[in-house]
């Protein structure tokens, strides 16, 4: 089990970080996983992430509450809101800005994942896949509700395609006592993050208390 660490990034943003870039890269191709929220009044004004560079990676932003306005050095701009996903391939390099905004609840809540690109694709053309919440399919299976961003479950495919690592990215909500099983082939990397409720993985209990559990799970083919 990984215990998230509090870190400060951007213009003073407090994050819960579970995976960070390391020379050993034991979670390859996953480089970073952050859980962000701006819901503590003591944090003061929302500072966000002013213009900063990315190169040779893909960044995946998944919003549950609030929104994020973004723009880049190529002239792209837009907004992602609750349930939306932005999958950015930075390729040979891009300057990118992400500025969060509170939703009607007064909160901002979401996640960001960094995925390493294979060497042969690090100098490719930068591109975005912005996915609206309404286009993300939902699979109901044995007490599990699965929002499928990328990959395939029971013949249903997520809307994010043509990604280097051929990933599986899903948000899973379990009914009380339900079990969700997904086979991960040998040599592949899988991460599961419980952000509400209680989850058990191979007998290891993950903390937080609620009547149900919900997790963001990511799995990818090894390279």
C-alpha atoms as a PDB file:
ATOM      1  CA  UNK A   1       0.000   0.000   0.000  1.00  0.00           C
ATOM      2  CA  UNK A   2       1.232   3.487  -0.879  1.00  0.00           C
ATOM      3  CA  UNK A   3       0.534   6.249   1.638  1.00  0.00           C
ATOM      4  CA  UNK A   4       0.000   9.603  -0.179  1.00  0.00           C
ATOM      5  CA  UNK A   5       2.355  12.421   0.786  1.00  0.00           C
ATOM      6  CA  UNK A   6       1.389  16.090   0.980  1.00  0.00           C
ATOM      7  CA  UNK A   7       3.376  18.192  -1.491  1.00  0.00           C
ATOM      8  CA  UNK A   8       3.155  21.754  -2.812  1.00  0.00           C
ATOM      9  CA  UNK A   9       3.245  22.303  -6.575  1.00  0.00           C
ATOM     10  CA  UNK A  10       2.449  25.029  -9.097  1.00  0.00           C
ATOM     11  CA  UNK A  11       1.781  28.400  -7.485  1.00  0.00           C
ATOM     12  CA  UNK A  12       1.429  26.942  -3.984  1.00  0.00           C
ATOM     13  CA  UNK A  13      -1.104  24.139  -4.560  1.00  0.00           C
ATOM     14  CA  UNK A  14      -1.348  21.477  -1.832  1.00  0.00           C
ATOM     15  CA  UNK A  15      -1.594  17.960  -3.316  1.00  0.00           C
ATOM     16  CA  UNK A  16      -1.753  14.369  -2.098  1.00  0.00           C
ATOM     17  CA  UNK A  17       0.946  12.562  -4.123  1.00  0.00           C
ATOM     18  CA  UNK A  18       1.052   8.767  -4.330  1.00  0.00           C
ATOM     19  CA  UNK A  19       3.578   8.316  -7.155  1.00  0.00           C
ATOM     20  CA  UNK A  20       6.410  10.699  -8.017  1.00  0.00           C
ATOM     21  CA  UNK A  21       9.123  10.596 -10.721  1.00  0.00           C
ATOM     22  CA  UNK A  22      12.153   8.556  -9.647  1.00  0.00           C
ATOM     23  CA  UNK A  23      15.300   7.294 -11.355  1.00  0.00           C
ATOM     24  CA  UNK A  24      14.309   3.715 -10.461  1.00  0.00           C
ATOM     25  CA  UNK A  25      10.894   4.207 -12.128  1.00  0.00           C
ATOM     26  CA  UNK A  26       9.436   1.133 -10.402  1.00  0.00           C
ATOM     27  CA  UNK A  27       5.902   1.958 -11.624  1.00  0.00           C
ATOM     28  CA  UNK A  28       6.873   2.328 -15.285  1.00  0.00           C
ATOM     29  CA  UNK A  29       5.280   3.761 -17.370  1.00  0.00           C
ATOM     30  CA  UNK A  30       3.439   5.676 -14.604  1.00  0.00           C
ATOM     31  CA  UNK A  31       5.566   8.620 -13.457  1.00  0.00           C
ATOM     32  CA  UNK A  32       3.263  10.609 -11.165  1.00  0.00           C
ATOM     33  CA  UNK A  33      -0.191  10.421  -9.595  1.00  0.00           C
ATOM     34  CA  UNK A  34      -1.671  13.400  -7.727  1.00  0.00           C
ATOM     35  CA  UNK A  35      -4.992  13.868  -5.940  1.00  0.00           C
ATOM     36  CA  UNK A  36      -5.905  17.556  -5.781  1.00  0.00           C
ATOM     37  CA  UNK A  37      -8.565  19.440  -3.859  1.00  0.00           C
ATOM     38  CA  UNK A  38      -8.989  23.105  -2.906  1.00  0.00           C
ATOM     39  CA  UNK A  39     -11.622  22.651  -0.244  1.00  0.00           C
ATOM     40  CA  UNK A  40      -9.887  23.855   2.905  1.00  0.00           C
ATOM     41  CA  UNK A  41     -10.489  27.603   3.468  1.00  0.00           C
ATOM     42  CA  UNK A  42      -7.097  27.783   5.196  1.00  0.00           C
ATOM     43  CA  UNK A  43      -5.455  27.224   1.805  1.00  0.00           C
ATOM     44  CA  UNK A  44      -6.579  30.696   0.751  1.00  0.00           C
ATOM     45  CA  UNK A  45      -7.086  31.775  -2.887  1.00  0.00           C
ATOM     46  CA  UNK A  46      -6.876  29.181  -5.643  1.00  0.00           C
ATOM     47  CA  UNK A  47      -3.420  29.537  -7.176  1.00  0.00           C
ATOM     48  CA  UNK A  48      -3.426  26.818  -9.816  1.00  0.00           C
ATOM     49  CA  UNK A  49      -0.667  25.836 -12.222  1.00  0.00           C
ATOM     50  CA  UNK A  50       0.574  28.770 -14.353  1.00  0.00           C
ATOM     51  CA  UNK A  51       2.344  28.158 -17.682  1.00  0.00           C
ATOM     52  CA  UNK A  52       4.866  25.303 -17.329  1.00  0.00           C
ATOM     53  CA  UNK A  53       6.616  22.890 -19.738  1.00  0.00           C
ATOM     54  CA  UNK A  54       5.935  19.221 -20.506  1.00  0.00           C
ATOM     55  CA  UNK A  55       7.939  16.984 -22.813  1.00  0.00           C
ATOM     56  CA  UNK A  56       8.048  13.274 -23.606  1.00  0.00           C
ATOM     57  CA  UNK A  57       5.038  12.319 -21.434  1.00  0.00           C
ATOM     58  CA  UNK A  58       1.258  12.158 -21.413  1.00  0.00           C
ATOM     59  CA  UNK A  59      -0.753  13.943 -18.712  1.00  0.00           C
ATOM     60  CA  UNK A  60      -4.216  12.673 -17.775  1.00  0.00           C
ATOM     61  CA  UNK A  61      -6.534  15.006 -15.824  1.00  0.00           C
ATOM     62  CA  UNK A  62      -9.806  13.614 -14.426  1.00  0.00           C
ATOM     63  CA  UNK A  63     -12.235  16.043 -12.741  1.00  0.00           C
ATOM     64  CA  UNK A  64     -14.930  15.015 -10.231  1.00  0.00           C
ATOM     65  CA  UNK A  65     -16.001  18.462  -8.977  1.00  0.00           C
ATOM     66  CA  UNK A  66     -15.305  22.016 -10.117  1.00  0.00           C
ATOM     67  CA  UNK A  67     -13.505  22.708 -13.397  1.00  0.00           C
ATOM     68  CA  UNK A  68     -10.078  23.427 -14.868  1.00  0.00           C
ATOM     69  CA  UNK A  69      -9.419  26.078 -17.517  1.00  0.00           C
ATOM     70  CA  UNK A  70      -6.384  25.304 -19.659  1.00  0.00           C
ATOM     71  CA  UNK A  71      -4.389  26.871 -22.476  1.00  0.00           C
ATOM     72  CA  UNK A  72      -1.050  26.172 -24.118  1.00  0.00           C
ATOM     73  CA  UNK A  73       1.754  27.613 -26.233  1.00  0.00           C
ATOM     74  CA  UNK A  74       0.184  26.244 -29.440  1.00  0.00           C
ATOM     75  CA  UNK A  75      -2.974  28.330 -29.021  1.00  0.00           C
ATOM     76  CA  UNK A  76      -5.245  25.582 -27.662  1.00  0.00           C
ATOM     77  CA  UNK A  77      -7.642  26.493 -24.839  1.00  0.00           C
ATOM     78  CA  UNK A  78     -10.668  24.987 -23.148  1.00  0.00           C
ATOM     79  CA  UNK A  79     -12.384  23.892 -19.936  1.00  0.00           C
ATOM     80  CA  UNK A  80     -13.004  20.452 -18.427  1.00  0.00           C
ATOM     81  CA  UNK A  81     -15.675  19.969 -15.757  1.00  0.00           C
ATOM     82  CA  UNK A  82     -17.171  17.213 -13.555  1.00  0.00           C
ATOM     83  CA  UNK A  83     -16.648  13.768 -15.053  1.00  0.00           C
ATOM     84  CA  UNK A  84     -14.555  15.122 -17.941  1.00  0.00           C
ATOM     85  CA  UNK A  85     -11.077  13.920 -18.879  1.00  0.00           C
ATOM     86  CA  UNK A  86      -8.199  15.608 -20.670  1.00  0.00           C
ATOM     87  CA  UNK A  87      -5.519  13.300 -22.068  1.00  0.00           C
ATOM     88  CA  UNK A  88      -2.607  15.396 -23.344  1.00  0.00           C
ATOM     89  CA  UNK A  89       0.330  13.959 -25.269  1.00  0.00           C
ATOM     90  CA  UNK A  90       3.150  16.491 -24.863  1.00  0.00           C
ATOM     91  CA  UNK A  91       5.490  14.839 -27.386  1.00  0.00           C
ATOM     92  CA  UNK A  92       8.459  17.019 -28.329  1.00  0.00           C
ATOM     93  CA  UNK A  93       7.403  19.785 -25.974  1.00  0.00           C
ATOM     94  CA  UNK A  94       4.651  22.194 -24.994  1.00  0.00           C
ATOM     95  CA  UNK A  95       3.966  24.967 -22.480  1.00  0.00           C
ATOM     96  CA  UNK A  96       0.723  24.319 -20.627  1.00  0.00           C
ATOM     97  CA  UNK A  97      -1.387  26.177 -18.032  1.00  0.00           C
ATOM     98  CA  UNK A  98      -4.116  24.694 -15.792  1.00  0.00           C
ATOM     99  CA  UNK A  99      -6.183  27.023 -13.610  1.00  0.00           C
ATOM    100  CA  UNK A 100      -8.845  25.381 -11.362  1.00  0.00           C
ATOM    101  CA  UNK A 101     -12.237  26.944 -10.622  1.00  0.00           C
ATOM    102  CA  UNK A 102     -14.691  25.995  -7.877  1.00  0.00           C
ATOM    103  CA  UNK A 103     -17.963  24.329  -8.840  1.00  0.00           C
ATOM    104  CA  UNK A 104     -21.453  25.062  -7.506  1.00  0.00           C
ATOM    105  CA  UNK A 105     -20.578  23.037  -4.380  1.00  0.00           C
ATOM    106  CA  UNK A 106     -17.670  25.394  -3.710  1.00  0.00           C
ATOM    107  CA  UNK A 107     -15.200  22.539  -4.208  1.00  0.00           C
ATOM    108  CA  UNK A 108     -12.556  21.392  -6.678  1.00  0.00           C
ATOM    109  CA  UNK A 109     -11.681  17.723  -6.738  1.00  0.00           C
ATOM    110  CA  UNK A 110      -9.757  15.566  -9.200  1.00  0.00           C
ATOM    111  CA  UNK A 111      -6.657  13.660 -10.193  1.00  0.00           C
ATOM    112  CA  UNK A 112      -3.676  13.940 -12.505  1.00  0.00           C
ATOM    113  CA  UNK A 113      -1.598  11.070 -13.863  1.00  0.00           C
ATOM    114  CA  UNK A 114       1.658  11.296 -15.844  1.00  0.00           C
ATOM    115  CA  UNK A 115       2.506   8.469 -18.246  1.00  0.00           C
ATOM    116  CA  UNK A 116       5.942   8.070 -19.824  1.00  0.00           C
ATOM    117  CA  UNK A 117       6.116   7.911 -23.625  1.00  0.00           C
ATOM    118  CA  UNK A 118       8.272   5.276 -25.366  1.00  0.00           C
ATOM    119  CA  UNK A 119      11.570   6.677 -26.666  1.00  0.00           C
ATOM    120  CA  UNK A 120      10.398   6.437 -30.273  1.00  0.00           C
ATOM    121  CA  UNK A 121       7.402   8.714 -29.556  1.00  0.00           C
ATOM    122  CA  UNK A 122       8.955  11.346 -27.292  1.00  0.00           C
ATOM    123  CA  UNK A 123       9.534  13.751 -30.187  1.00  0.00           C
ATOM    124  CA  UNK A 124       6.064  13.386 -31.696  1.00  0.00           C
ATOM    125  CA  UNK A 125       3.505  16.117 -32.333  1.00  0.00           C
ATOM    126  CA  UNK A 126       1.692  17.330 -29.169  1.00  0.00           C
ATOM    127  CA  UNK A 127      -2.050  16.602 -29.134  1.00  0.00           C
ATOM    128  CA  UNK A 128      -5.122  16.559 -26.880  1.00  0.00           C
ATOM    129  CA  UNK A 129      -8.008  14.211 -26.363  1.00  0.00           C
ATOM    130  CA  UNK A 130     -10.695  16.076 -24.405  1.00  0.00           C
ATOM    131  CA  UNK A 131     -13.446  13.704 -23.323  1.00  0.00           C
ATOM    132  CA  UNK A 132     -16.831  14.983 -22.209  1.00  0.00           C
ATOM    133  CA  UNK A 133     -18.450  13.127 -19.312  1.00  0.00           C
ATOM    134  CA  UNK A 134     -21.483  12.217 -21.428  1.00  0.00           C
ATOM    135  CA  UNK A 135     -19.307  10.200 -23.854  1.00  0.00           C
ATOM    136  CA  UNK A 136     -17.712   7.984 -21.175  1.00  0.00           C
ATOM    137  CA  UNK A 137     -19.501   4.604 -21.133  1.00  0.00           C
ATOM    138  CA  UNK A 138     -20.713   3.051 -17.883  1.00  0.00           C
ATOM    139  CA  UNK A 139     -20.562  -0.716 -17.341  1.00  0.00           C
ATOM    140  CA  UNK A 140     -22.693  -2.309 -14.593  1.00  0.00           C
ATOM    141  CA  UNK A 141     -21.298  -5.632 -13.408  1.00  0.00           C
ATOM    142  CA  UNK A 142     -21.991  -7.643 -10.222  1.00  0.00           C
ATOM    143  CA  UNK A 143     -22.441  -4.605  -7.963  1.00  0.00           C
ATOM    144  CA  UNK A 144     -19.705  -2.572  -9.670  1.00  0.00           C
ATOM    145  CA  UNK A 145     -20.375   0.631 -11.617  1.00  0.00           C
ATOM    146  CA  UNK A 146     -17.458   1.249 -13.966  1.00  0.00           C
ATOM    147  CA  UNK A 147     -16.849   4.520 -15.835  1.00  0.00           C
ATOM    148  CA  UNK A 148     -14.470   3.481 -18.607  1.00  0.00           C
ATOM    149  CA  UNK A 149     -12.141   6.215 -19.876  1.00  0.00           C
ATOM    150  CA  UNK A 150      -9.664   4.051 -21.804  1.00  0.00           C
ATOM    151  CA  UNK A 151      -9.330   0.355 -22.543  1.00  0.00           C
ATOM    152  CA  UNK A 152     -11.986  -2.375 -22.694  1.00  0.00           C
ATOM    153  CA  UNK A 153     -14.284  -4.116 -20.197  1.00  0.00           C
ATOM    154  CA  UNK A 154     -16.783  -6.778 -21.313  1.00  0.00           C
ATOM    155  CA  UNK A 155     -16.581  -5.659 -24.932  1.00  0.00           C
ATOM    156  CA  UNK A 156     -17.141  -1.970 -24.102  1.00  0.00           C
ATOM    157  CA  UNK A 157     -14.321   0.428 -25.018  1.00  0.00           C
ATOM    158  CA  UNK A 158     -13.487   3.807 -23.513  1.00  0.00           C
ATOM    159  CA  UNK A 159     -13.375   6.932 -25.739  1.00  0.00           C
ATOM    160  CA  UNK A 160      -9.633   7.626 -25.310  1.00  0.00           C
ATOM    161  CA  UNK A 161      -7.749   5.799 -28.074  1.00  0.00           C
ATOM    162  CA  UNK A 162      -4.364   5.675 -29.847  1.00  0.00           C
ATOM    163  CA  UNK A 163      -2.404   5.927 -26.605  1.00  0.00           C
ATOM    164  CA  UNK A 164       1.178   4.635 -26.569  1.00  0.00           C
ATOM    165  CA  UNK A 165       0.889   2.420 -23.481  1.00  0.00           C
ATOM    166  CA  UNK A 166      -2.472   0.848 -24.491  1.00  0.00           C
ATOM    167  CA  UNK A 167      -3.866   1.698 -21.036  1.00  0.00           C
ATOM    168  CA  UNK A 168      -6.919   0.751 -19.060  1.00  0.00           C
ATOM    169  CA  UNK A 169      -8.285   3.710 -17.046  1.00  0.00           C
ATOM    170  CA  UNK A 170     -11.514   3.306 -15.105  1.00  0.00           C
ATOM    171  CA  UNK A 171     -13.405   4.780 -12.164  1.00  0.00           C
ATOM    172  CA  UNK A 172     -15.001   1.937 -10.200  1.00  0.00           C
ATOM    173  CA  UNK A 173     -17.771   2.309  -7.597  1.00  0.00           C
ATOM    174  CA  UNK A 174     -18.706  -0.783  -5.574  1.00  0.00           C
ATOM    175  CA  UNK A 175     -21.949  -1.542  -3.761  1.00  0.00           C
ATOM    176  CA  UNK A 176     -21.511  -2.688  -0.116  1.00  0.00           C
ATOM    177  CA  UNK A 177     -19.907  -6.137  -0.076  1.00  0.00           C
ATOM    178  CA  UNK A 178     -19.394  -6.242  -3.846  1.00  0.00           C
ATOM    179  CA  UNK A 179     -16.223  -7.520  -5.498  1.00  0.00           C
ATOM    180  CA  UNK A 180     -14.700  -6.414  -8.795  1.00  0.00           C
ATOM    181  CA  UNK A 181     -12.101  -8.607 -10.502  1.00  0.00           C
ATOM    182  CA  UNK A 182     -10.050  -7.695 -13.552  1.00  0.00           C
ATOM    183  CA  UNK A 183      -7.155  -9.881 -14.772  1.00  0.00           C
ATOM    184  CA  UNK A 184      -3.820  -8.095 -15.076  1.00  0.00           C
ATOM    185  CA  UNK A 185      -1.363 -10.028 -17.286  1.00  0.00           C
ATOM    186  CA  UNK A 186       2.079 -10.833 -15.905  1.00  0.00           C
ATOM    187  CA  UNK A 187       4.564  -8.028 -16.533  1.00  0.00           C
ATOM    188  CA  UNK A 188       1.931  -5.308 -16.699  1.00  0.00           C
ATOM    189  CA  UNK A 189       1.722  -2.408 -14.232  1.00  0.00           C
ATOM    190  CA  UNK A 190      -1.500  -1.717 -12.300  1.00  0.00           C
ATOM    191  CA  UNK A 191      -2.361   0.992  -9.760  1.00  0.00           C
ATOM    192  CA  UNK A 192      -5.615   1.392  -7.805  1.00  0.00           C
ATOM    193  CA  UNK A 193      -6.380   4.490  -5.729  1.00  0.00           C
ATOM    194  CA  UNK A 194      -9.229   4.443  -3.184  1.00  0.00           C
ATOM    195  CA  UNK A 195     -10.508   8.003  -2.738  1.00  0.00           C
ATOM    196  CA  UNK A 196     -13.775   7.241  -0.915  1.00  0.00           C
ATOM    197  CA  UNK A 197     -14.850   4.371   1.279  1.00  0.00           C
ATOM    198  CA  UNK A 198     -12.977   1.156   2.038  1.00  0.00           C
ATOM    199  CA  UNK A 199     -11.259  -1.184  -0.374  1.00  0.00           C
ATOM    200  CA  UNK A 200      -9.457  -4.494  -0.046  1.00  0.00           C
ATOM    201  CA  UNK A 201      -6.817  -5.664  -2.509  1.00  0.00           C
ATOM    202  CA  UNK A 202      -5.261  -9.119  -2.061  1.00  0.00           C
ATOM    203  CA  UNK A 203      -6.306  -8.997   1.605  1.00  0.00           C
ATOM    204  CA  UNK A 204      -4.727  -5.593   2.271  1.00  0.00           C
ATOM    205  CA  UNK A 205      -7.200  -3.085   3.701  1.00  0.00           C
ATOM    206  CA  UNK A 206      -7.018   0.509   2.492  1.00  0.00           C
ATOM    207  CA  UNK A 207      -8.193   3.193   4.888  1.00  0.00           C
ATOM    208  CA  UNK A 208     -11.109   5.668   4.813  1.00  0.00           C
ATOM    209  CA  UNK A 209     -14.575   4.873   6.119  1.00  0.00           C
ATOM    210  CA  UNK A 210     -17.826   4.776   4.212  1.00  0.00           C
ATOM    211  CA  UNK A 211     -20.623   2.387   3.247  1.00  0.00           C
ATOM    212  CA  UNK A 212     -19.208   1.931  -0.250  1.00  0.00           C
ATOM    213  CA  UNK A 213     -15.900   2.300  -1.992  1.00  0.00           C
ATOM    214  CA  UNK A 214     -14.869   4.072  -5.157  1.00  0.00           C
ATOM    215  CA  UNK A 215     -11.499   3.900  -6.814  1.00  0.00           C
ATOM    216  CA  UNK A 216      -9.676   5.137  -9.860  1.00  0.00           C
ATOM    217  CA  UNK A 217      -7.825   2.158 -11.354  1.00  0.00           C
ATOM    218  CA  UNK A 218      -5.187   2.353 -14.050  1.00  0.00           C
ATOM    219  CA  UNK A 219      -3.512  -0.574 -15.770  1.00  0.00           C
ATOM    220  CA  UNK A 220      -1.258  -0.558 -18.799  1.00  0.00           C
ATOM    221  CA  UNK A 221       0.605  -2.888 -21.071  1.00  0.00           C
ATOM    222  CA  UNK A 222       4.315  -3.210 -20.321  1.00  0.00           C
ATOM    223  CA  UNK A 223       6.735  -1.986 -22.990  1.00  0.00           C
END
